[in-house]
Each structure stands twice: as C-alpha cells, then as structure tokens.
N, C-alpha and C. Protein backbone atom coordinates (compact mmCIF):
# COMPACT_ATOMS: atom_id res chain seq x y z
N MET A 1 -13.97 61.51 -62.67
CA MET A 1 -13.33 62.72 -61.74
C MET A 1 -12.25 62.00 -61.17
N ASN A 2 -11.12 62.68 -61.20
CA ASN A 2 -9.82 62.10 -60.20
C ASN A 2 -9.60 63.30 -59.33
N TRP A 3 -8.87 62.78 -58.44
CA TRP A 3 -8.85 63.65 -57.41
C TRP A 3 -7.73 64.82 -57.53
N ASP A 4 -7.02 65.04 -58.51
CA ASP A 4 -6.34 66.07 -58.95
C ASP A 4 -7.26 67.02 -59.45
N ILE A 5 -8.22 66.56 -60.17
CA ILE A 5 -9.51 67.52 -60.71
C ILE A 5 -10.04 68.22 -59.37
N ALA A 6 -10.40 67.23 -58.41
CA ALA A 6 -11.25 67.64 -57.26
C ALA A 6 -10.42 68.75 -56.48
N GLU A 7 -9.15 68.48 -56.21
CA GLU A 7 -8.30 69.63 -55.61
C GLU A 7 -8.50 70.94 -56.23
N GLY A 8 -8.46 70.85 -57.62
CA GLY A 8 -8.21 71.95 -58.22
C GLY A 8 -9.75 72.70 -58.57
N ASN A 9 -10.90 71.89 -58.37
CA ASN A 9 -12.26 72.35 -58.51
C ASN A 9 -12.93 72.18 -57.17
N TRP A 10 -12.34 72.32 -56.07
CA TRP A 10 -12.84 71.85 -54.56
C TRP A 10 -13.93 72.78 -54.44
N LYS A 11 -14.08 74.05 -54.69
CA LYS A 11 -15.23 74.97 -54.34
C LYS A 11 -16.42 74.63 -55.18
N GLN A 12 -16.19 73.94 -56.48
CA GLN A 12 -17.54 73.67 -57.06
C GLN A 12 -18.05 72.37 -56.49
N LEU A 13 -17.21 71.54 -55.90
CA LEU A 13 -17.48 70.26 -55.53
C LEU A 13 -17.98 70.24 -53.98
N VAL A 14 -17.89 71.15 -53.32
CA VAL A 14 -18.08 71.28 -51.80
C VAL A 14 -19.52 70.95 -51.89
N GLY A 15 -20.60 71.52 -52.46
CA GLY A 15 -21.75 71.15 -52.61
C GLY A 15 -22.24 69.87 -52.67
N LYS A 16 -21.39 69.17 -53.51
CA LYS A 16 -21.71 67.78 -53.63
C LYS A 16 -21.30 67.02 -52.74
N VAL A 17 -20.26 67.25 -52.05
CA VAL A 17 -19.72 66.51 -50.76
C VAL A 17 -20.50 66.68 -49.69
N GLU A 18 -21.15 68.13 -49.39
CA GLU A 18 -21.78 68.19 -48.39
C GLU A 18 -23.31 67.76 -48.58
N THR A 19 -23.73 67.35 -49.71
CA THR A 19 -24.97 66.56 -50.04
C THR A 19 -24.79 65.19 -49.66
N GLU A 20 -23.56 64.50 -49.96
CA GLU A 20 -23.40 63.16 -49.77
C GLU A 20 -22.91 62.84 -48.34
N TRP A 21 -21.92 63.74 -47.56
CA TRP A 21 -21.81 63.71 -46.30
C TRP A 21 -21.88 64.81 -45.58
N GLY A 22 -23.28 64.91 -45.14
CA GLY A 22 -23.77 66.15 -44.34
C GLY A 22 -23.09 66.34 -43.09
N ASN A 23 -22.48 65.38 -42.35
CA ASN A 23 -21.90 65.61 -41.08
C ASN A 23 -20.76 66.35 -41.09
N LEU A 24 -20.00 66.56 -42.32
CA LEU A 24 -18.90 67.25 -42.57
C LEU A 24 -18.94 68.60 -42.43
N THR A 25 -18.62 69.52 -41.50
CA THR A 25 -18.91 70.91 -41.14
C THR A 25 -18.16 71.74 -42.28
N ASP A 26 -18.62 72.99 -42.48
CA ASP A 26 -17.82 73.78 -43.33
C ASP A 26 -16.33 74.07 -42.94
N ASP A 27 -15.96 73.99 -41.63
CA ASP A 27 -14.80 74.02 -41.24
C ASP A 27 -13.84 72.76 -41.64
N LYS A 28 -14.57 71.60 -41.46
CA LYS A 28 -13.73 70.33 -41.84
C LYS A 28 -13.54 70.61 -43.30
N LEU A 29 -14.46 70.92 -44.22
CA LEU A 29 -14.43 71.18 -45.59
C LEU A 29 -13.40 71.77 -46.01
N ARG A 30 -13.05 72.98 -45.35
CA ARG A 30 -12.06 74.06 -45.64
C ARG A 30 -10.82 73.17 -45.40
N VAL A 31 -10.56 72.53 -44.28
CA VAL A 31 -9.37 71.88 -44.07
C VAL A 31 -9.16 70.80 -45.16
N ILE A 32 -10.13 70.00 -45.39
CA ILE A 32 -9.94 68.95 -46.65
C ILE A 32 -9.43 69.56 -47.68
N ALA A 33 -10.08 70.62 -48.15
CA ALA A 33 -9.42 71.30 -49.41
C ALA A 33 -9.22 70.33 -50.61
N GLY A 34 -10.02 69.24 -50.76
CA GLY A 34 -9.95 68.50 -52.07
C GLY A 34 -9.08 67.34 -51.91
N GLU A 35 -8.27 67.36 -50.69
CA GLU A 35 -7.31 66.20 -50.53
C GLU A 35 -8.00 64.90 -50.32
N ARG A 36 -8.00 63.82 -50.94
CA ARG A 36 -8.70 62.60 -50.76
C ARG A 36 -8.34 61.89 -49.40
N VAL A 37 -7.03 61.85 -49.02
CA VAL A 37 -6.90 61.13 -47.76
C VAL A 37 -7.46 61.95 -46.66
N GLU A 38 -7.32 63.15 -46.54
CA GLU A 38 -8.10 63.87 -45.67
C GLU A 38 -9.47 63.61 -45.60
N LEU A 39 -10.18 63.88 -46.64
CA LEU A 39 -11.70 63.82 -46.76
C LEU A 39 -11.84 62.32 -46.26
N ALA A 40 -11.05 61.24 -46.58
CA ALA A 40 -11.27 59.90 -45.97
C ALA A 40 -11.32 59.75 -44.63
N GLY A 41 -10.12 60.56 -44.10
CA GLY A 41 -10.15 60.74 -42.57
C GLY A 41 -11.29 61.11 -41.85
N ARG A 42 -11.50 62.45 -42.26
CA ARG A 42 -12.76 63.20 -41.82
C ARG A 42 -14.01 62.36 -41.98
N MET A 43 -14.30 61.56 -42.96
CA MET A 43 -15.33 60.63 -43.15
C MET A 43 -15.34 59.61 -41.95
N GLN A 44 -14.15 59.13 -41.73
CA GLN A 44 -14.06 58.11 -40.69
C GLN A 44 -14.40 58.65 -39.51
N GLU A 45 -13.86 59.65 -38.95
CA GLU A 45 -13.92 60.28 -37.69
C GLU A 45 -15.45 60.58 -37.56
N SER A 46 -16.18 61.23 -38.64
CA SER A 46 -17.50 61.89 -38.65
C SER A 46 -18.60 60.82 -38.46
N TYR A 47 -18.26 59.70 -39.17
CA TYR A 47 -19.31 58.61 -39.35
C TYR A 47 -18.95 57.35 -38.68
N GLY A 48 -17.84 57.30 -37.90
CA GLY A 48 -17.22 55.94 -37.58
C GLY A 48 -17.21 54.87 -38.32
N ILE A 49 -16.54 55.03 -39.32
CA ILE A 49 -16.52 53.85 -40.45
C ILE A 49 -15.13 53.66 -40.66
N SER A 50 -14.92 52.44 -41.07
CA SER A 50 -13.44 51.96 -41.41
C SER A 50 -13.00 52.62 -42.48
N LYS A 51 -11.70 52.72 -42.61
CA LYS A 51 -10.92 53.09 -43.86
C LYS A 51 -11.24 52.43 -45.08
N ASP A 52 -11.59 51.06 -45.08
CA ASP A 52 -11.98 50.39 -46.31
C ASP A 52 -13.49 51.07 -46.68
N GLU A 53 -14.27 51.27 -45.73
CA GLU A 53 -15.79 51.77 -46.00
C GLU A 53 -15.50 53.21 -46.74
N ALA A 54 -14.62 53.89 -45.99
CA ALA A 54 -14.50 55.54 -46.52
C ALA A 54 -14.02 55.23 -47.86
N ASP A 55 -12.98 54.32 -48.29
CA ASP A 55 -12.74 54.23 -49.57
C ASP A 55 -13.60 53.74 -50.53
N GLN A 56 -14.43 52.95 -50.16
CA GLN A 56 -15.58 52.43 -50.96
C GLN A 56 -16.55 53.45 -51.27
N GLN A 57 -16.94 54.36 -50.31
CA GLN A 57 -17.66 55.45 -50.57
C GLN A 57 -17.19 56.51 -51.52
N LEU A 58 -15.75 56.79 -51.27
CA LEU A 58 -15.20 57.64 -52.12
C LEU A 58 -15.13 57.40 -53.57
N LYS A 59 -14.87 55.95 -53.71
CA LYS A 59 -14.75 55.51 -55.11
C LYS A 59 -16.25 55.64 -55.80
N ALA A 60 -17.31 55.18 -55.15
CA ALA A 60 -18.72 55.45 -55.58
C ALA A 60 -18.96 56.77 -56.02
N PHE A 61 -18.36 57.86 -55.18
CA PHE A 61 -18.58 59.30 -55.27
C PHE A 61 -17.81 59.62 -56.66
N ARG A 62 -16.71 59.30 -56.59
CA ARG A 62 -15.90 59.52 -57.92
C ARG A 62 -16.51 59.02 -59.25
N LEU A 63 -17.22 57.75 -59.03
CA LEU A 63 -17.85 57.20 -60.22
C LEU A 63 -19.17 58.08 -60.54
N LEU A 64 -19.70 58.44 -59.68
CA LEU A 64 -21.10 59.23 -59.76
C LEU A 64 -20.62 60.69 -60.40
N ASN A 65 -19.59 61.13 -59.99
CA ASN A 65 -19.09 62.43 -60.60
C ASN A 65 -18.08 62.38 -61.58
N LYS A 66 -17.89 61.30 -62.44
CA LYS A 66 -16.99 61.38 -63.30
C LYS A 66 -16.84 62.31 -64.27
N ASP A 67 -17.97 62.90 -64.54
CA ASP A 67 -17.99 63.99 -65.44
C ASP A 67 -17.73 65.42 -65.26
N CYS A 68 -17.31 65.45 -63.78
CA CYS A 68 -16.99 66.59 -63.39
C CYS A 68 -15.63 67.38 -63.75
N ARG A 69 -15.72 68.36 -64.45
CA ARG A 69 -14.41 68.95 -64.81
C ARG A 69 -14.33 70.47 -64.45
N PRO A 70 -13.00 70.74 -64.31
CA PRO A 70 -13.00 72.12 -63.76
C PRO A 70 -13.56 73.27 -64.79
N LYS A 71 -13.98 74.42 -64.48
CA LYS A 71 -14.35 75.38 -65.38
C LYS A 71 -13.10 75.96 -65.87
N SER A 72 -13.19 76.21 -67.32
CA SER A 72 -11.97 76.80 -67.93
C SER A 72 -12.08 78.28 -67.51
N SER A 73 -10.45 78.41 -67.15
CA SER A 73 -10.16 80.06 -66.61
C SER A 73 -9.80 80.89 -67.51
N SER A 74 -9.93 80.47 -68.75
CA SER A 74 -9.81 81.35 -70.12
C SER A 74 -11.09 81.82 -70.34
N SER A 75 -10.99 83.09 -70.83
CA SER A 75 -12.17 83.82 -71.29
C SER A 75 -12.30 83.84 -72.88
N SER A 76 -13.14 83.84 -73.44
CA SER A 76 -13.28 84.11 -74.98
C SER A 76 -13.44 85.74 -75.26
N THR A 77 -12.57 86.19 -76.15
CA THR A 77 -12.62 87.57 -76.51
C THR A 77 -12.85 87.87 -77.85
C-alpha cells in the first residue's frame, strides 16, 4: 500500500486505522482524510510519541496492509 492509494481508499481503510490507533476519534479521522503527514501528527498528539515513532508505526502499518487496493469503480455490464 502506498499513501496515494490510502488517500483514494480512505473510507475503506478507516476501520483498519481505528483498530490500530483507537485513540483517534472519528472527527480526527475525517480531518486526516488519508494524508500520511496528518495521520502521523495526530498519532503524535494522541499517543505522546515522537515523529520517528509515528513514522515507524506507519511503516509497519503500510507493510501489513501492502495488498490493500482501491475497489474498482468500473462495473461490468
């Protein structure tokens, strides 16, 4: 998974993000909207962790969800 995909597929990823970082409220998740820098900042704020720790956690999350792909918007007819 890369963050371009995360931004485009954010609504599907929100559940995984909530599971991983439960302190992030629905309001915060709406503001984040898939933006990696915003997510890292909110993680730092909510969990009192360093930028490096937030980046490490995001890297691990990305690797665990590397097969996540946006759903195709085309329909077969």
